[in-house]
Structure formats: C-alpha cells, structure tokens
Amino acid sequence: MGNKMFGFLNWMETRMGIVRVSAAGLAVLLLLSSGVAASGFKALGVGAKATAMGGAFRAVADDWSAAYYNPAGYADLLDNQLGANLALFQYRNEITPDYRWGGLYETGMMNDRPGYNFDEILNNPSAGLALRFPFFGESVFGLSIYQPFDYNVKWNLYQPLTTYNSKLTLPGNQFQNNFDVVAFQLTAAREFIEDKLSLGVGLQLLRADLLYTNVIFRTNPYLARDPDWAPAARPWEKITQWTSNDGKGWGFGLNVGAKLKQSEKMTLAATITVPFDITVKGESSLEFYLPQYYDTGSYTGGTVEHMLTAGNKIVDSADYEATLKLPPSLGLGMAYQASEKLLVTVDAEYTLWSRFDGFNFVYSNHRGLIGPADTAADMREFLTSDIAQSVDWSNSIELMAGAAYDYSDFVTLLGGLSIDQSPTRENEQFHPLFFDLGTKLSLSTGLIVHLEQWDLGVSTSYTRYPDASVEELEDIDGDGHPENFAGDFKAATYQTVFSFNYRF
C-alpha cells in the first residue's frame, strides 16, 4: 500500500511540475498576443490542423486546440499533450475615401486616393496543456490560453484643410482599433455511455484590452448661439475631434461541447460558447483641433468666440468605461471516415452578432480644461460629451468543410474552405475601424509531420472579401456624426500558422 501511495504521489508531483512550467509559459503568451479576425472580430489562427481544415474541427478536436473548438475532444485524447502555435498574418485592406459633406464639400479626408492600413506582420500565439487524471473513472483536465476575439487595424486618412487650420496636424494613428480578448480556460472532459458520448466544459477568465482612436466631426457649438456667425460657416461649421481610449477589463465565459460517436465512421459534435459582458475601463484623451479664423492667440483668456477662432488645440483628459456585449455562438459539426486514410468534416456556426452594439464610451473625471473651455457651460458640455462608435449588425452563419489525408505514417495532408456570412450584410455599415465588407471565402491548406511523440504542423490561408462601396455618410445612432465612411473598400487577409504538439 505504501509503495502504491508513494508511486501516486510521484506521479502527481511530476504532473504538477509540468502544469507549473506550462502555466508560466502560457502566461507569457498574453504579453505577445495580437490576432486575426473572421466575421466581426472573432479570432482565427488557433491550431495549425484546425485552421488548415477550414475550421471544420468540432467533431475531430483531437489535440490541445479542442479547448477552443470543442472541449469534449479532450475526453478522447489517449495521451497527455502539450501544444502551442504561432499564427502570422497580414491584412491587405484598402480604402479610397469619398468623404464629402453633402457629397460635395471637402472635409480633410484624403479623397480619391487609395489608402492602406499600416503594413505589418501581426502575430497570435496560443497554447494548451491536457492531462489525464484517475478521477471519476478517468477524466482529462486542461489549461489553455487563446484569443476568441481580436481585431487590429490602423490608418492615416485625414489632414485638416489649410482653410480650416494651417498650423495643426493630427497624430499618426488617426484611426486605430486594437481590440483583444484573451481567454484563460480551464477545461474538464470525460466519456460516458460506453465511451460513445464525450462531454466537456471550459471555464474562461477573459481579459479584454482596447486601444481605440478615431477622428470625428462635431457640429460647431456656436451655431446654437448665432446661426449667422461668420466663423461657423464652411469649412468651420464642423470641429475636428481626435479621441484616444486605452483600457482593459476582466470577465468570464463558458465553452461547452459534446461529441457523439454515431458509428465507427461517423462522429457528430455540438458546442455552445457564451462570453459574458466585459466592462473595459481606462484613460482617454479628447483632442479638439479648432478652426483658425483669426490669429487671436491663446484660448485661455477672452471669450468663447476667441477660443473657437484661434486655431489652437484643446486637450481634455478623462476616465472612461465601455461595456462590451460579446456575441454567443452555437456550432454543429460532423466528421466522416471516408476511407482508411481520408477523413472529411463539415461544420456550421451561428453567431449572435446582433448583441454587439459597438463601443459606447462613458467619460468621467474630466481634467485639463482651462479658460472659457471650462467656464462656459455650453462649451464644457460640448467638450466633455460621451462618444459612441455604434454598429447595427445582424446574426451570421459560417459554413466550413475540411479534409485530412494520411499520406504516410509520417505525414498528414490537410485542406479546407469556409464561407463566412458578414454581420454588416443588411445595412452596409462600413468603417475603417470595423472592416467587414461582406460574406467572405477562405481557402486553406497545410500538413502535419509526425515524429515519434511530436506532431509538427503548418497551415496557410487566404481570405477574400468582396469589394464594397458607401455612397453617403449616415448618422445611424443620431449623435451628430456619421458611423459609416463614404468611399470604396477592398480587403484580403493572408495567414500562416506554425504549431507543435507533444504527446507524453
């Protein structure tokens, strides 16, 4: 009895050591994360095998990435596993602005010239650890880190007209949406009904990071005082505001899955993912680039009229909160062993994008305003008002198909495709900060090399968006500034994923 207990304690100590080392490694990945998005801003790039099969992986889920695709897959793992991958990708987005007031008058946008998002290779690391334990028969537990939601774009598209203000320029990151949700997931799974049914659940601790900048045009507040005031006429009737919001927040989520071995050749799967709302808090800089009608010097003295004609910049610092209503999703999958070497899969996922209403920033603790910007009640209200980048999206469906062919004992060839319905398809609400142009097609391929206990994978994917155009500016939520962006849009995404999986 003593020898058995001693052996069990050694077994536990060895695995706890692996857990501690692996958990530290997974935590480091958080510092490196920066991902690629599917419809809306759902992240891709988790697992080379899954991505090479077009994401049709729910009914397979046979490596550590099952934590993301279907937690029930952990119950079918025959070995302990430690795996990780690095997704490298590039957005090839293009906008040719046609941003004119009333379709006629220039605004300062770089109209009729193609503009491109910042050219950079982004990365999205993720990893997971799965261990079998003799609890309740035999159960599998896992710890993983990945990004279920992510977006990262940055643009320069605006320069104030010289007739509006000839002495000020805006920061380089005029339009930026760097939005990450990282999931730290604890997964538990086991088999039931004579090993035909597998159930798994993942408990998620979600970390959201948001760096958001935007250029908006606000109606000159002096028009309410005096509609005939000359400095409020074109091009001074709109005031340029550049807003920067940087913050983070924590929340929780749930990822539940099931796999049913319908027969020796067919496996069915279902998943439900529920991320709960996250409140992001941080600091904001609200910068106002005022018209230069007269060279009247500083705005700190004098009247509101002086402030609105001096051509200076006003900076208001504040704290902010924004509630992220992340979308739940439902998924179904099927895997069919067509032959001894060929496995084919199909998946469908329904995402409730209608829950997401954009970024609605609520400001507090304003500081930095001086002179008439602070003492004139209507100006202070104007300069400290809340800002929203609203979206009105529809629920969407993604269809995926994949195949895995065991070319030899050492190499598995992979391929897949997906058709992803856009949440913007009904209202054509396009903007540099939410670059989803329509239903898109993705093609992918890859391979897994098997070397004893190691599985080394690589996949590559190409996603093509339809071209899109916005002819008119539209104020969707009635806050006084447009939520869409007039112009012509093009987009494509390239992705490569490298992965390893170690079985022990």
Protein backbone atom coordinates (compact mmCIF):
# COMPACT_ATOMS: atom_id res chain seq x y z
CA MET A 1 0.00 0.00 0.00
CA GLY A 2 2.84 2.36 0.88
CA ASN A 3 4.59 1.75 -2.44
CA LYS A 4 1.37 2.46 -4.34
CA MET A 5 0.82 5.67 -2.42
CA PHE A 6 4.43 6.70 -2.98
CA GLY A 7 4.09 6.00 -6.70
CA PHE A 8 0.87 8.00 -6.91
CA LEU A 9 2.48 10.96 -5.14
CA ASN A 10 5.45 10.85 -7.53
CA TRP A 11 3.03 10.74 -10.46
CA MET A 12 1.17 13.76 -9.12
CA GLU A 13 4.36 15.67 -8.38
CA THR A 14 5.65 15.12 -11.91
CA ARG A 15 2.42 16.36 -13.47
CA MET A 16 2.16 19.33 -11.14
CA GLY A 17 5.66 20.31 -12.19
CA ILE A 18 4.59 20.14 -15.82
CA VAL A 19 1.49 22.20 -15.03
CA ARG A 20 3.51 24.90 -13.25
CA VAL A 21 6.06 25.24 -16.06
CA SER A 22 3.40 25.13 -18.77
CA ALA A 23 1.19 27.67 -16.98
CA ALA A 24 4.11 30.08 -16.78
CA GLY A 25 4.73 29.63 -20.49
CA LEU A 26 1.08 30.18 -21.31
CA ALA A 27 1.02 33.39 -19.28
CA VAL A 28 3.95 34.76 -21.28
CA LEU A 29 1.86 34.36 -24.43
CA LEU A 30 -0.56 37.00 -23.13
CA LEU A 31 2.17 39.60 -23.44
CA LEU A 32 2.72 38.67 -27.10
CA SER A 33 -0.86 38.30 -28.29
CA SER A 34 -2.21 40.13 -31.32
CA GLY A 35 -4.67 38.31 -33.55
CA VAL A 36 -6.59 38.00 -36.80
CA ALA A 37 -10.33 38.19 -37.13
CA ALA A 38 -13.09 36.41 -39.02
CA SER A 39 -16.56 37.96 -39.34
CA GLY A 40 -16.88 40.84 -36.95
CA PHE A 41 -13.79 40.27 -34.83
CA LYS A 42 -13.78 36.55 -33.99
CA ALA A 43 -10.20 35.34 -33.90
CA LEU A 44 -8.65 32.76 -36.20
CA GLY A 45 -5.29 31.03 -36.05
CA VAL A 46 -5.88 28.57 -33.17
CA GLY A 47 -4.22 25.26 -34.13
CA ALA A 48 -2.48 24.56 -37.44
CA LYS A 49 -4.51 21.39 -38.05
CA ALA A 50 -7.85 23.08 -37.40
CA THR A 51 -7.08 26.16 -39.50
CA ALA A 52 -5.78 24.02 -42.38
CA MET A 53 -9.13 22.17 -42.35
CA GLY A 54 -11.02 25.44 -42.74
CA GLY A 55 -12.08 25.46 -39.08
CA ALA A 56 -14.25 22.33 -39.56
CA PHE A 57 -12.78 20.73 -36.46
CA ARG A 58 -15.58 20.34 -33.89
CA ALA A 59 -16.13 16.64 -34.49
CA VAL A 60 -12.37 15.95 -34.64
CA ALA A 61 -10.94 18.05 -31.80
CA ASP A 62 -8.05 15.63 -31.23
CA ASP A 63 -5.32 17.93 -29.96
CA TRP A 64 -4.91 20.71 -27.37
CA SER A 65 -6.81 23.21 -29.57
CA ALA A 66 -10.01 21.31 -28.72
CA ALA A 67 -10.22 23.76 -25.81
CA TYR A 68 -11.32 26.35 -28.39
CA TYR A 69 -13.18 24.24 -30.97
CA ASN A 70 -14.87 21.65 -28.74
CA PRO A 71 -13.85 20.98 -25.10
CA ALA A 72 -15.39 17.48 -25.32
CA GLY A 73 -12.48 16.47 -27.55
CA TYR A 74 -10.22 16.37 -24.51
CA ALA A 75 -12.01 13.23 -23.31
CA ASP A 76 -10.82 11.34 -26.41
CA LEU A 77 -7.14 12.18 -26.00
CA LEU A 78 -5.15 8.99 -25.43
CA ASP A 79 -2.08 10.78 -24.11
CA ASN A 80 -1.19 13.84 -22.12
CA GLN A 81 -0.47 16.69 -24.51
CA LEU A 82 1.38 19.97 -24.54
CA GLY A 83 0.98 22.12 -27.62
CA ALA A 84 1.36 25.64 -28.94
CA ASN A 85 1.13 27.57 -32.18
CA LEU A 86 2.02 30.92 -33.66
CA ALA A 87 -0.25 32.49 -36.26
CA LEU A 88 1.32 35.11 -38.53
CA PHE A 89 -0.95 37.17 -40.72
CA GLN A 90 -1.27 40.31 -42.76
CA TYR A 91 -4.27 42.49 -43.52
CA ARG A 92 -4.33 43.86 -47.07
CA ASN A 93 -7.05 46.48 -46.62
CA GLU A 94 -7.63 49.44 -48.92
CA ILE A 95 -9.90 52.49 -48.77
CA THR A 96 -10.38 55.16 -51.40
CA PRO A 97 -12.26 57.84 -49.43
CA ASP A 98 -15.13 59.86 -50.87
CA TYR A 99 -15.87 61.63 -47.60
CA ARG A 100 -17.56 64.92 -48.50
CA TRP A 101 -20.25 66.93 -46.74
CA GLY A 102 -23.43 66.64 -48.74
CA GLY A 103 -21.42 64.64 -51.27
CA LEU A 104 -19.80 67.90 -52.49
CA TYR A 105 -17.66 69.73 -49.93
CA GLU A 106 -14.20 68.63 -48.81
CA THR A 107 -13.68 67.58 -45.20
CA GLY A 108 -9.93 66.99 -44.99
CA MET A 109 -10.17 63.27 -45.73
CA MET A 110 -7.70 62.16 -48.40
CA ASN A 111 -10.39 61.72 -51.00
CA ASP A 112 -9.94 59.90 -54.32
CA ARG A 113 -6.57 58.46 -53.23
CA PRO A 114 -6.17 54.81 -52.19
CA GLY A 115 -5.18 54.48 -48.55
CA TYR A 116 -3.88 51.35 -46.86
CA ASN A 117 -3.82 50.04 -43.31
CA PHE A 118 -0.39 50.07 -41.66
CA ASP A 119 1.70 47.36 -43.34
CA GLU A 120 2.86 44.96 -40.63
CA ILE A 121 3.02 41.25 -39.91
CA LEU A 122 0.85 40.60 -36.88
CA ASN A 123 1.03 37.54 -34.64
CA ASN A 124 -1.31 35.49 -32.49
CA PRO A 125 0.26 32.86 -30.18
CA SER A 126 -1.84 30.31 -28.30
CA ALA A 127 -1.12 27.14 -26.33
CA GLY A 128 -2.63 24.43 -24.18
CA LEU A 129 -1.88 21.57 -21.81
CA ALA A 130 -4.08 18.48 -21.36
CA LEU A 131 -3.56 15.83 -18.64
CA ARG A 132 -5.40 12.61 -17.84
CA PHE A 133 -6.25 12.02 -14.17
CA PRO A 134 -7.80 8.96 -12.47
CA PHE A 135 -10.79 10.93 -11.18
CA PHE A 136 -14.36 9.64 -11.64
CA GLY A 137 -13.03 6.80 -13.75
CA GLU A 138 -10.64 8.76 -15.92
CA SER A 139 -11.05 12.42 -16.74
CA VAL A 140 -8.99 14.87 -18.73
CA PHE A 141 -8.23 18.36 -17.49
CA GLY A 142 -6.61 21.15 -19.45
CA LEU A 143 -5.24 24.67 -19.18
CA SER A 144 -5.09 26.81 -22.30
CA ILE A 145 -4.71 30.37 -23.49
CA TYR A 146 -6.04 31.71 -26.78
CA GLN A 147 -7.89 34.67 -28.26
CA PRO A 148 -11.59 34.13 -29.03
CA PHE A 149 -11.98 37.74 -30.21
CA ASP A 150 -9.48 40.09 -31.76
CA TYR A 151 -9.02 42.92 -34.24
CA ASN A 152 -6.07 45.12 -35.15
CA VAL A 153 -6.13 47.86 -37.80
CA LYS A 154 -4.57 51.31 -38.05
CA TRP A 155 -4.97 54.05 -40.68
CA ASN A 156 -3.93 57.60 -41.61
CA LEU A 157 -6.63 59.13 -43.80
CA TYR A 158 -7.06 62.76 -42.70
CA GLN A 159 -5.29 66.11 -42.77
CA PRO A 160 -7.08 69.36 -41.77
CA LEU A 161 -7.82 71.63 -44.71
CA THR A 162 -5.49 74.64 -44.82
CA THR A 163 -8.55 76.87 -44.98
CA TYR A 164 -9.75 75.25 -41.75
CA ASN A 165 -6.45 75.25 -39.85
CA SER A 166 -3.00 75.63 -41.41
CA LYS A 167 -0.89 75.19 -38.28
CA LEU A 168 -2.08 71.92 -36.69
CA THR A 169 -1.68 68.27 -37.66
CA LEU A 170 -3.19 65.15 -36.09
CA PRO A 171 -1.29 62.22 -34.57
CA GLY A 172 -0.13 59.41 -36.86
CA ASN A 173 -2.52 56.79 -35.51
CA GLN A 174 -5.67 58.62 -36.55
CA PHE A 175 -7.91 55.56 -36.86
CA GLN A 176 -6.93 52.57 -34.74
CA ASN A 177 -8.84 49.60 -33.36
CA ASN A 178 -6.57 47.24 -31.43
CA PHE A 179 -9.04 45.04 -29.60
CA ASP A 180 -8.04 41.77 -27.91
CA VAL A 181 -9.97 39.32 -25.74
CA VAL A 182 -7.71 36.62 -24.31
CA ALA A 183 -9.25 33.52 -22.71
CA PHE A 184 -7.52 31.69 -19.88
CA GLN A 185 -9.51 28.47 -19.97
CA LEU A 186 -9.69 25.57 -17.53
CA THR A 187 -11.20 22.57 -19.31
CA ALA A 188 -12.62 19.31 -17.94
CA ALA A 189 -13.93 16.42 -20.05
CA ARG A 190 -14.78 12.73 -19.80
CA GLU A 191 -16.52 9.92 -21.67
CA PHE A 192 -19.97 8.46 -20.97
CA ILE A 193 -22.27 5.70 -22.29
CA GLU A 194 -19.62 3.10 -23.06
CA ASP A 195 -17.26 5.71 -24.48
CA LYS A 196 -19.73 6.77 -27.19
CA LEU A 197 -20.52 10.19 -25.74
CA SER A 198 -17.94 12.76 -24.65
CA LEU A 199 -18.81 15.92 -22.75
CA GLY A 200 -16.54 18.83 -21.95
CA VAL A 201 -16.79 22.23 -20.35
CA GLY A 202 -14.36 25.14 -20.38
CA LEU A 203 -14.46 27.84 -17.72
CA GLN A 204 -12.94 31.04 -19.07
CA LEU A 205 -11.33 34.02 -17.42
CA LEU A 206 -11.44 36.71 -20.10
CA ARG A 207 -9.06 39.65 -20.35
CA ALA A 208 -10.05 42.47 -22.73
CA ASP A 209 -7.62 45.13 -23.96
CA LEU A 210 -8.74 48.04 -26.10
CA LEU A 211 -6.70 50.75 -27.79
CA TYR A 212 -9.09 52.80 -29.89
CA THR A 213 -8.58 56.09 -31.73
CA ASN A 214 -10.96 57.84 -34.07
CA VAL A 215 -11.46 61.09 -35.98
CA ILE A 216 -14.96 62.51 -35.80
CA PHE A 217 -16.51 65.80 -36.85
CA ARG A 218 -18.64 67.69 -34.34
CA THR A 219 -21.10 70.44 -35.22
CA ASN A 220 -19.67 73.81 -34.18
CA PRO A 221 -21.43 74.60 -30.87
CA TYR A 222 -21.56 78.33 -31.62
CA LEU A 223 -24.16 77.67 -34.31
CA ALA A 224 -26.67 77.22 -31.49
CA ARG A 225 -25.79 80.69 -30.20
CA ASP A 226 -25.69 82.54 -33.50
CA PRO A 227 -26.53 80.71 -36.77
CA ASP A 228 -25.28 83.70 -38.78
CA TRP A 229 -21.88 83.90 -37.06
CA ALA A 230 -19.33 84.03 -39.91
CA PRO A 231 -16.64 81.76 -38.33
CA ALA A 232 -19.23 78.96 -38.14
CA ALA A 233 -19.68 78.90 -41.93
CA ARG A 234 -17.94 76.40 -44.21
CA PRO A 235 -15.37 74.99 -43.60
CA TRP A 236 -15.60 75.92 -39.91
CA GLU A 237 -19.10 74.54 -39.25
CA LYS A 238 -17.58 71.20 -38.16
CA ILE A 239 -14.93 70.85 -35.45
CA THR A 240 -12.38 68.05 -35.75
CA GLN A 241 -12.10 65.80 -32.69
CA TRP A 242 -9.48 63.08 -32.29
CA THR A 243 -10.25 60.64 -29.47
CA SER A 244 -7.91 58.08 -27.93
CA ASN A 245 -9.17 55.44 -25.48
CA ASP A 246 -6.81 52.96 -23.83
CA GLY A 247 -8.10 50.49 -21.25
CA LYS A 248 -8.68 46.94 -20.11
CA GLY A 249 -11.22 44.80 -18.30
CA TRP A 250 -11.89 41.30 -16.97
CA GLY A 251 -14.84 38.99 -17.37
CA PHE A 252 -15.92 35.37 -17.60
CA GLY A 253 -17.08 32.97 -20.27
CA LEU A 254 -18.32 29.44 -20.77
CA ASN A 255 -17.45 26.98 -23.56
CA VAL A 256 -19.43 23.71 -23.58
CA GLY A 257 -19.17 20.88 -26.08
CA ALA A 258 -20.29 17.33 -26.87
CA LYS A 259 -19.11 14.57 -29.24
CA LEU A 260 -21.19 11.54 -30.14
CA LYS A 261 -19.70 8.51 -31.92
CA GLN A 262 -22.68 7.74 -34.12
CA SER A 263 -20.87 4.80 -35.73
CA GLU A 264 -17.35 3.58 -36.36
CA LYS A 265 -17.08 6.04 -39.22
CA MET A 266 -19.21 8.99 -38.17
CA THR A 267 -18.87 11.43 -35.26
CA LEU A 268 -21.27 14.26 -34.50
CA ALA A 269 -20.50 17.34 -32.38
CA ALA A 270 -22.19 20.37 -30.87
CA THR A 271 -20.86 23.41 -28.98
CA ILE A 272 -22.18 26.45 -27.15
CA THR A 273 -19.95 29.40 -26.31
CA VAL A 274 -21.17 32.17 -24.01
CA PRO A 275 -18.89 35.14 -23.25
CA PHE A 276 -20.37 37.40 -20.59
CA ASP A 277 -20.26 41.18 -20.90
CA ILE A 278 -16.96 42.85 -20.02
CA THR A 279 -16.65 46.38 -18.66
CA VAL A 280 -13.49 47.99 -20.02
CA LYS A 281 -12.06 50.90 -18.03
CA GLY A 282 -9.18 53.19 -18.84
CA GLU A 283 -8.00 56.66 -19.72
CA SER A 284 -8.98 58.86 -22.63
CA SER A 285 -7.54 61.87 -24.41
CA LEU A 286 -10.14 64.05 -26.16
CA GLU A 287 -8.37 66.43 -28.51
CA PHE A 288 -10.17 69.22 -30.36
CA TYR A 289 -8.49 70.88 -33.37
CA LEU A 290 -10.25 74.23 -33.56
CA PRO A 291 -10.82 76.44 -36.63
CA GLN A 292 -8.27 79.13 -37.45
CA TYR A 293 -10.45 82.05 -38.49
CA TYR A 294 -8.47 84.84 -36.82
CA ASP A 295 -5.00 84.66 -35.34
CA THR A 296 -6.22 85.62 -31.88
CA GLY A 297 -3.57 83.83 -29.80
CA SER A 298 -4.26 81.57 -26.84
CA TYR A 299 -7.76 80.39 -25.97
CA THR A 300 -7.05 80.56 -22.22
CA GLY A 301 -8.24 84.14 -22.00
CA GLY A 302 -11.05 86.00 -23.60
CA THR A 303 -14.37 84.68 -24.83
CA VAL A 304 -15.75 81.56 -26.43
CA GLU A 305 -15.61 83.36 -29.77
CA HIS A 306 -11.86 83.84 -29.35
CA MET A 307 -11.39 80.21 -28.42
CA LEU A 308 -13.28 78.98 -31.49
CA THR A 309 -11.31 81.12 -33.94
CA ALA A 310 -7.73 80.99 -32.60
CA GLY A 311 -6.80 77.70 -34.32
CA ASN A 312 -5.49 76.11 -31.12
CA LYS A 313 -5.82 72.57 -29.83
CA ILE A 314 -7.78 71.77 -26.66
CA VAL A 315 -6.96 68.58 -24.79
CA ASP A 316 -9.36 67.10 -22.23
CA SER A 317 -8.17 64.07 -20.27
CA ALA A 318 -10.76 61.77 -18.72
CA ASP A 319 -11.51 58.30 -17.42
CA TYR A 320 -13.88 56.09 -19.35
CA GLU A 321 -15.98 52.96 -19.20
CA ALA A 322 -17.36 50.89 -22.07
CA THR A 323 -19.41 47.70 -21.85
CA LEU A 324 -18.51 45.07 -24.44
CA LYS A 325 -21.52 42.92 -25.34
CA LEU A 326 -19.67 39.97 -26.84
CA PRO A 327 -21.69 37.55 -29.01
CA PRO A 328 -22.54 33.96 -28.02
CA SER A 329 -22.33 31.26 -30.68
CA LEU A 330 -23.79 27.82 -31.44
CA GLY A 331 -21.97 25.22 -33.50
CA LEU A 332 -22.58 21.81 -35.09
CA GLY A 333 -20.07 19.51 -36.71
CA MET A 334 -19.68 16.12 -38.38
CA ALA A 335 -16.61 14.00 -39.18
CA TYR A 336 -16.78 11.02 -41.53
CA GLN A 337 -14.01 8.46 -42.04
CA ALA A 338 -14.46 8.02 -45.78
CA SER A 339 -11.61 5.52 -46.05
CA GLU A 340 -8.75 4.20 -44.01
CA LYS A 341 -6.72 7.30 -44.88
CA LEU A 342 -9.27 10.00 -45.67
CA LEU A 343 -11.30 11.95 -43.09
CA VAL A 344 -13.82 14.60 -44.22
CA THR A 345 -15.53 17.13 -41.96
CA VAL A 346 -18.24 19.80 -42.12
CA ASP A 347 -19.14 22.44 -39.55
CA ALA A 348 -21.69 25.22 -39.15
CA GLU A 349 -21.60 28.06 -36.64
CA TYR A 350 -24.26 30.63 -35.82
CA THR A 351 -23.02 33.80 -34.07
CA LEU A 352 -25.34 36.30 -32.40
CA TRP A 353 -23.64 39.46 -33.64
CA SER A 354 -26.83 41.46 -33.01
CA ARG A 355 -25.79 41.59 -29.33
CA PHE A 356 -22.73 43.67 -30.12
CA ASP A 357 -23.60 47.36 -30.41
CA GLY A 358 -20.13 48.86 -30.85
CA PHE A 359 -18.05 50.91 -28.44
CA ASN A 360 -20.03 53.35 -26.30
CA PHE A 361 -17.65 55.39 -24.18
CA VAL A 362 -18.93 56.99 -20.98
CA TYR A 363 -16.50 59.62 -19.66
CA SER A 364 -15.91 60.86 -16.13
CA ASN A 365 -13.33 62.74 -14.03
CA HIS A 366 -12.54 65.28 -16.74
CA ARG A 367 -9.35 67.25 -16.20
CA GLY A 368 -7.26 69.72 -18.15
CA LEU A 369 -9.83 72.21 -19.45
CA ILE A 370 -9.00 75.86 -18.77
CA GLY A 371 -10.35 79.29 -19.62
CA PRO A 372 -13.69 79.54 -21.47
CA ALA A 373 -13.44 75.81 -22.32
CA ASP A 374 -14.07 75.20 -18.62
CA THR A 375 -16.13 78.20 -17.52
CA ALA A 376 -18.65 78.42 -20.38
CA ALA A 377 -21.29 75.79 -19.57
CA ASP A 378 -22.28 75.01 -23.16
CA MET A 379 -18.64 74.65 -24.23
CA ARG A 380 -17.77 72.38 -21.30
CA GLU A 381 -20.78 70.21 -22.14
CA PHE A 382 -19.64 70.05 -25.77
CA LEU A 383 -16.03 69.18 -24.92
CA THR A 384 -16.86 66.54 -22.29
CA SER A 385 -19.75 64.75 -24.03
CA ASP A 386 -19.74 60.97 -24.38
CA ILE A 387 -18.78 59.44 -27.73
CA ALA A 388 -20.05 56.25 -29.37
CA GLN A 389 -18.96 54.25 -32.40
CA SER A 390 -22.18 52.32 -32.82
CA VAL A 391 -22.79 49.35 -35.07
CA ASP A 392 -26.03 47.70 -36.12
CA TRP A 393 -25.08 44.13 -37.03
CA SER A 394 -27.07 41.01 -37.85
CA ASN A 395 -26.56 37.44 -36.69
CA SER A 396 -24.46 35.40 -39.11
CA ILE A 397 -23.70 31.83 -40.19
CA GLU A 398 -20.35 30.36 -41.15
CA LEU A 399 -20.12 27.10 -43.12
CA MET A 400 -16.86 25.13 -43.10
CA ALA A 401 -15.56 21.98 -44.76
CA GLY A 402 -12.25 20.19 -44.36
CA ALA A 403 -10.31 17.04 -45.12
CA ALA A 404 -7.33 15.17 -43.64
CA TYR A 405 -5.46 12.55 -45.67
CA ASP A 406 -2.85 10.30 -44.04
CA TYR A 407 -0.34 10.26 -46.88
CA SER A 408 2.02 8.08 -44.83
CA ASP A 409 2.79 7.23 -41.22
CA PHE A 410 4.80 10.44 -41.06
CA VAL A 411 2.72 12.99 -42.99
CA THR A 412 -0.95 14.05 -42.91
CA LEU A 413 -2.14 16.39 -45.67
CA LEU A 414 -4.88 18.91 -44.85
CA GLY A 415 -7.23 21.20 -46.73
CA GLY A 416 -10.37 23.21 -46.17
CA LEU A 417 -12.61 26.12 -47.05
CA SER A 418 -15.18 28.30 -45.33
CA ILE A 419 -17.94 30.70 -46.32
CA ASP A 420 -18.48 33.34 -43.66
CA GLN A 421 -21.60 35.49 -43.70
CA SER A 422 -20.99 39.12 -42.79
CA PRO A 423 -22.89 40.78 -39.93
CA THR A 424 -22.89 44.02 -41.98
CA ARG A 425 -24.71 42.49 -44.95
CA GLU A 426 -28.08 44.18 -44.30
CA ASN A 427 -27.07 47.79 -43.67
CA GLU A 428 -23.67 48.04 -45.40
CA GLN A 429 -22.19 49.89 -42.46
CA PHE A 430 -18.51 50.07 -43.36
CA HIS A 431 -15.83 51.98 -41.47
CA PRO A 432 -12.01 51.80 -41.20
CA LEU A 433 -12.37 50.70 -37.57
CA PHE A 434 -14.77 47.81 -38.34
CA PHE A 435 -13.56 46.47 -41.65
CA ASP A 436 -16.08 43.74 -42.50
CA LEU A 437 -17.14 44.20 -46.12
CA GLY A 438 -19.41 41.22 -46.78
CA THR A 439 -19.64 37.46 -47.00
CA LYS A 440 -16.13 36.13 -47.48
CA LEU A 441 -14.45 32.99 -48.78
CA SER A 442 -11.40 31.41 -47.15
CA LEU A 443 -9.21 28.69 -48.64
CA SER A 444 -6.62 26.84 -46.57
CA THR A 445 -4.12 24.01 -46.76
CA GLY A 446 -1.40 22.50 -44.61
CA LEU A 447 0.26 19.39 -43.29
CA ILE A 448 1.21 17.67 -40.06
CA VAL A 449 4.54 15.84 -39.71
CA HIS A 450 4.56 13.01 -37.14
CA LEU A 451 7.93 12.35 -35.48
CA GLU A 452 7.57 9.83 -32.65
CA GLN A 453 5.83 11.82 -29.90
CA TRP A 454 5.87 15.08 -31.82
CA ASP A 455 3.33 16.47 -34.26
CA LEU A 456 4.67 19.48 -36.16
CA GLY A 457 2.19 21.42 -38.25
CA VAL A 458 1.97 24.30 -40.69
CA SER A 459 -1.02 25.81 -42.44
CA THR A 460 -1.64 28.71 -44.76
CA SER A 461 -4.90 30.51 -45.54
CA TYR A 462 -6.19 33.17 -47.88
CA THR A 463 -9.39 35.11 -47.20
CA ARG A 464 -11.04 37.17 -49.90
CA TYR A 465 -13.62 39.86 -49.11
CA PRO A 466 -15.98 41.30 -51.71
CA ASP A 467 -15.38 44.89 -52.80
CA ALA A 468 -17.78 47.36 -51.23
CA SER A 469 -18.80 51.00 -51.60
CA VAL A 470 -20.52 53.57 -49.39
CA GLU A 471 -22.02 56.49 -51.30
CA GLU A 472 -23.39 58.63 -48.48
CA LEU A 473 -22.48 59.47 -44.91
CA GLU A 474 -25.08 58.25 -42.43
CA ASP A 475 -25.64 59.09 -38.77
CA ILE A 476 -27.07 55.77 -37.57
CA ASP A 477 -27.48 56.47 -33.86
CA GLY A 478 -28.41 60.16 -34.14
CA ASP A 479 -25.44 61.50 -32.17
CA GLY A 480 -24.49 64.08 -34.80
CA HIS A 481 -21.61 62.33 -36.56
CA PRO A 482 -21.64 59.55 -39.20
CA GLU A 483 -20.98 55.93 -38.19
CA ASN A 484 -20.15 54.84 -41.73
CA PHE A 485 -17.38 56.06 -44.01
CA ALA A 486 -18.05 57.07 -47.61
CA GLY A 487 -15.69 55.55 -50.16
CA ASP A 488 -14.60 52.35 -51.88
CA PHE A 489 -13.33 49.38 -49.85
CA LYS A 490 -11.20 46.33 -50.68
CA ALA A 491 -9.73 43.67 -48.40
CA ALA A 492 -7.88 40.37 -48.22
CA THR A 493 -6.10 38.51 -45.41
CA TYR A 494 -3.13 36.13 -45.56
CA GLN A 495 -2.33 33.81 -42.67
CA THR A 496 0.29 31.21 -41.80
CA VAL A 497 0.20 29.08 -38.65
CA PHE A 498 3.07 27.04 -37.18
CA SER A 499 2.36 24.56 -34.41
CA PHE A 500 3.76 21.74 -32.32
CA ASN A 501 2.06 19.11 -30.21
CA TYR A 502 3.95 16.86 -27.81
CA ARG A 503 2.36 13.65 -26.51
CA PHE A 504 3.63 12.13 -23.26
